[in-house]
Amino acid sequence: MRKIVISTINFYQKFLSLDTGVLSLKKGTTCVFYPTCSEYTKQAVSKYGATKGLFMGFRRILRCHPWQKNHIDPLH
């Protein structure tokens, strides 16, 4: 399950992401967090497994909003 989730995230990052994918409009990231939410989720899935990793990624996405200041939020 972990490999399937990570493969799906890799596909999203390469083709669909507005930050890093072919749909990106400008160079660099537009994400307010570092690492991006998709990278954070991928790291969490690698470290904690699919269920907990996806839950952690979902919580991270819920904290993202236009008024969020840029900041570093690494996986612990």
N, C-alpha and C. Protein backbone atom coordinates (compact mmCIF):
# COMPACT_ATOMS: atom_id res chain seq x y z
N MET A 1 0.83 -1.20 0.00
CA MET A 1 0.00 0.00 0.00
C MET A 1 0.87 1.26 0.00
N ARG A 2 1.95 1.21 0.77
CA ARG A 2 2.85 2.36 0.88
C ARG A 2 3.42 2.73 -0.50
N LYS A 3 3.81 1.72 -1.28
CA LYS A 3 4.38 1.98 -2.61
C LYS A 3 3.36 2.59 -3.56
N ILE A 4 2.12 2.15 -3.46
CA ILE A 4 1.06 2.68 -4.32
C ILE A 4 0.82 4.16 -4.00
N VAL A 5 0.76 4.49 -2.72
CA VAL A 5 0.53 5.88 -2.31
C VAL A 5 1.69 6.76 -2.76
N ILE A 6 2.91 6.31 -2.56
CA ILE A 6 4.08 7.09 -2.95
C ILE A 6 4.13 7.26 -4.47
N SER A 7 3.79 6.21 -5.21
CA SER A 7 3.75 6.31 -6.68
C SER A 7 2.70 7.33 -7.13
N THR A 8 1.57 7.34 -6.47
CA THR A 8 0.51 8.30 -6.79
C THR A 8 0.98 9.73 -6.50
N ILE A 9 1.64 9.93 -5.38
CA ILE A 9 2.17 11.26 -5.04
C ILE A 9 3.22 11.68 -6.05
N ASN A 10 4.11 10.75 -6.45
CA ASN A 10 5.12 11.07 -7.45
C ASN A 10 4.48 11.49 -8.77
N PHE A 11 3.43 10.79 -9.19
CA PHE A 11 2.70 11.15 -10.40
C PHE A 11 2.12 12.56 -10.27
N TYR A 12 1.49 12.82 -9.14
CA TYR A 12 0.91 14.14 -8.89
C TYR A 12 1.99 15.22 -8.97
N GLN A 13 3.13 14.99 -8.30
CA GLN A 13 4.19 15.99 -8.29
C GLN A 13 4.75 16.25 -9.69
N LYS A 14 4.86 15.21 -10.48
CA LYS A 14 5.47 15.35 -11.81
C LYS A 14 4.51 15.95 -12.83
N PHE A 15 3.23 15.60 -12.76
CA PHE A 15 2.31 16.00 -13.83
C PHE A 15 1.22 16.99 -13.42
N LEU A 16 0.75 16.97 -12.21
CA LEU A 16 -0.43 17.75 -11.83
C LEU A 16 -0.14 18.93 -10.92
N SER A 17 0.94 18.89 -10.18
CA SER A 17 1.22 19.92 -9.19
C SER A 17 1.41 21.29 -9.82
N LEU A 18 0.82 22.30 -9.20
CA LEU A 18 1.01 23.68 -9.67
C LEU A 18 2.38 24.22 -9.26
N ASP A 19 3.07 23.53 -8.36
CA ASP A 19 4.41 23.95 -7.94
C ASP A 19 5.50 23.33 -8.79
N THR A 20 5.42 22.03 -9.03
CA THR A 20 6.53 21.32 -9.66
C THR A 20 6.16 20.58 -10.93
N GLY A 21 4.90 20.45 -11.22
CA GLY A 21 4.45 19.65 -12.35
C GLY A 21 4.44 20.41 -13.66
N VAL A 22 3.98 19.74 -14.69
CA VAL A 22 3.91 20.37 -16.01
C VAL A 22 2.86 21.49 -16.05
N LEU A 23 1.99 21.54 -15.08
CA LEU A 23 0.98 22.60 -15.01
C LEU A 23 1.47 23.86 -14.30
N SER A 24 2.72 23.83 -13.81
CA SER A 24 3.22 25.00 -13.08
C SER A 24 3.34 26.18 -14.03
N LEU A 25 2.97 27.34 -13.53
CA LEU A 25 2.96 28.55 -14.35
C LEU A 25 4.25 29.34 -14.24
N LYS A 26 5.00 29.11 -13.17
CA LYS A 26 6.25 29.84 -13.01
C LYS A 26 7.27 28.95 -12.33
N LYS A 27 8.51 29.34 -12.44
CA LYS A 27 9.58 28.60 -11.78
C LYS A 27 9.52 28.85 -10.29
N GLY A 28 9.93 27.87 -9.53
CA GLY A 28 9.90 28.00 -8.09
C GLY A 28 8.59 27.53 -7.51
N THR A 29 8.49 27.61 -6.23
CA THR A 29 7.31 27.09 -5.55
C THR A 29 6.33 28.19 -5.19
N THR A 30 5.07 27.85 -5.19
CA THR A 30 4.04 28.78 -4.73
C THR A 30 3.48 28.33 -3.38
N CYS A 31 3.96 27.22 -2.89
CA CYS A 31 3.49 26.66 -1.63
C CYS A 31 4.00 27.51 -0.46
N VAL A 32 3.18 27.68 0.55
CA VAL A 32 3.58 28.47 1.71
C VAL A 32 4.43 27.68 2.69
N PHE A 33 4.44 26.36 2.56
CA PHE A 33 5.22 25.51 3.45
C PHE A 33 6.45 24.97 2.74
N TYR A 34 7.48 24.69 3.51
CA TYR A 34 8.62 23.94 3.02
C TYR A 34 8.83 22.79 3.99
N PRO A 35 8.86 21.57 3.53
CA PRO A 35 8.63 21.11 2.16
C PRO A 35 7.16 21.25 1.77
N THR A 36 6.89 21.13 0.48
CA THR A 36 5.51 21.25 0.00
C THR A 36 4.65 20.18 0.66
N CYS A 37 3.36 20.38 0.62
CA CYS A 37 2.44 19.42 1.25
C CYS A 37 2.56 18.03 0.65
N SER A 38 2.74 17.95 -0.66
CA SER A 38 2.88 16.62 -1.27
C SER A 38 4.18 15.95 -0.85
N GLU A 39 5.25 16.70 -0.76
CA GLU A 39 6.53 16.12 -0.32
C GLU A 39 6.45 15.71 1.15
N TYR A 40 5.82 16.54 1.96
CA TYR A 40 5.62 16.23 3.37
C TYR A 40 4.83 14.92 3.52
N THR A 41 3.76 14.80 2.74
CA THR A 41 2.93 13.59 2.80
C THR A 41 3.72 12.38 2.34
N LYS A 42 4.51 12.53 1.30
CA LYS A 42 5.33 11.41 0.81
C LYS A 42 6.33 10.98 1.89
N GLN A 43 6.95 11.93 2.55
CA GLN A 43 7.88 11.60 3.63
C GLN A 43 7.16 10.92 4.78
N ALA A 44 5.98 11.40 5.12
CA ALA A 44 5.21 10.81 6.22
C ALA A 44 4.78 9.39 5.89
N VAL A 45 4.36 9.14 4.66
CA VAL A 45 3.97 7.79 4.26
C VAL A 45 5.18 6.87 4.30
N SER A 46 6.32 7.35 3.85
CA SER A 46 7.55 6.54 3.89
C SER A 46 7.94 6.17 5.32
N LYS A 47 7.78 7.13 6.22
CA LYS A 47 8.23 6.92 7.60
C LYS A 47 7.19 6.19 8.45
N TYR A 48 5.91 6.53 8.31
CA TYR A 48 4.89 6.03 9.22
C TYR A 48 3.89 5.05 8.61
N GLY A 49 3.95 4.86 7.29
CA GLY A 49 2.99 3.98 6.63
C GLY A 49 1.87 4.79 5.99
N ALA A 50 1.06 4.10 5.19
CA ALA A 50 0.05 4.77 4.38
C ALA A 50 -1.02 5.46 5.22
N THR A 51 -1.57 4.79 6.19
CA THR A 51 -2.69 5.35 6.95
C THR A 51 -2.29 6.58 7.74
N LYS A 52 -1.29 6.45 8.58
CA LYS A 52 -0.86 7.59 9.40
C LYS A 52 -0.25 8.69 8.53
N GLY A 53 0.51 8.32 7.51
CA GLY A 53 1.12 9.30 6.63
C GLY A 53 0.10 10.13 5.88
N LEU A 54 -0.94 9.48 5.36
CA LEU A 54 -1.99 10.23 4.66
C LEU A 54 -2.76 11.12 5.62
N PHE A 55 -2.99 10.65 6.84
CA PHE A 55 -3.67 11.46 7.85
C PHE A 55 -2.83 12.71 8.17
N MET A 56 -1.52 12.52 8.34
CA MET A 56 -0.64 13.66 8.62
C MET A 56 -0.63 14.65 7.46
N GLY A 57 -0.61 14.14 6.23
CA GLY A 57 -0.65 15.01 5.06
C GLY A 57 -1.96 15.78 4.97
N PHE A 58 -3.06 15.10 5.27
CA PHE A 58 -4.37 15.75 5.25
C PHE A 58 -4.43 16.87 6.27
N ARG A 59 -3.90 16.63 7.47
CA ARG A 59 -3.86 17.69 8.50
C ARG A 59 -3.03 18.87 8.04
N ARG A 60 -1.92 18.58 7.36
CA ARG A 60 -1.06 19.65 6.86
C ARG A 60 -1.80 20.49 5.82
N ILE A 61 -2.52 19.84 4.91
CA ILE A 61 -3.28 20.56 3.88
C ILE A 61 -4.35 21.44 4.51
N LEU A 62 -4.97 20.98 5.59
CA LEU A 62 -6.00 21.78 6.26
C LEU A 62 -5.42 23.06 6.87
N ARG A 63 -4.14 23.05 7.21
CA ARG A 63 -3.51 24.25 7.78
C ARG A 63 -3.09 25.25 6.71
N CYS A 64 -3.17 24.86 5.45
CA CYS A 64 -2.73 25.72 4.35
C CYS A 64 -3.87 26.65 3.94
N HIS A 65 -3.58 27.94 3.88
CA HIS A 65 -4.54 28.93 3.44
C HIS A 65 -3.79 30.15 2.92
N PRO A 66 -4.44 31.02 2.16
CA PRO A 66 -3.74 32.15 1.53
C PRO A 66 -3.09 33.12 2.52
N TRP A 67 -3.56 33.16 3.73
CA TRP A 67 -3.01 34.11 4.71
C TRP A 67 -1.89 33.51 5.54
N GLN A 68 -1.56 32.26 5.28
CA GLN A 68 -0.47 31.58 5.98
C GLN A 68 0.86 32.20 5.56
N LYS A 69 1.71 32.52 6.50
CA LYS A 69 3.03 33.04 6.19
C LYS A 69 3.93 31.88 5.81
N ASN A 70 4.86 32.14 4.92
CA ASN A 70 5.82 31.09 4.54
C ASN A 70 6.63 30.66 5.74
N HIS A 71 6.73 29.35 5.92
CA HIS A 71 7.58 28.87 6.98
C HIS A 71 7.99 27.41 6.76
N ILE A 72 9.03 27.06 7.44
CA ILE A 72 9.56 25.71 7.35
C ILE A 72 8.82 24.84 8.36
N ASP A 73 8.33 23.70 7.89
CA ASP A 73 7.58 22.77 8.72
C ASP A 73 7.99 21.35 8.34
N PRO A 74 9.17 20.91 8.80
CA PRO A 74 9.64 19.58 8.41
C PRO A 74 8.90 18.47 9.15
N LEU A 75 8.99 17.29 8.60
CA LEU A 75 8.43 16.11 9.26
C LEU A 75 9.33 15.74 10.42
N HIS A 76 8.73 15.46 11.56
CA HIS A 76 9.54 15.09 12.73
C HIS A 76 9.53 13.60 12.91
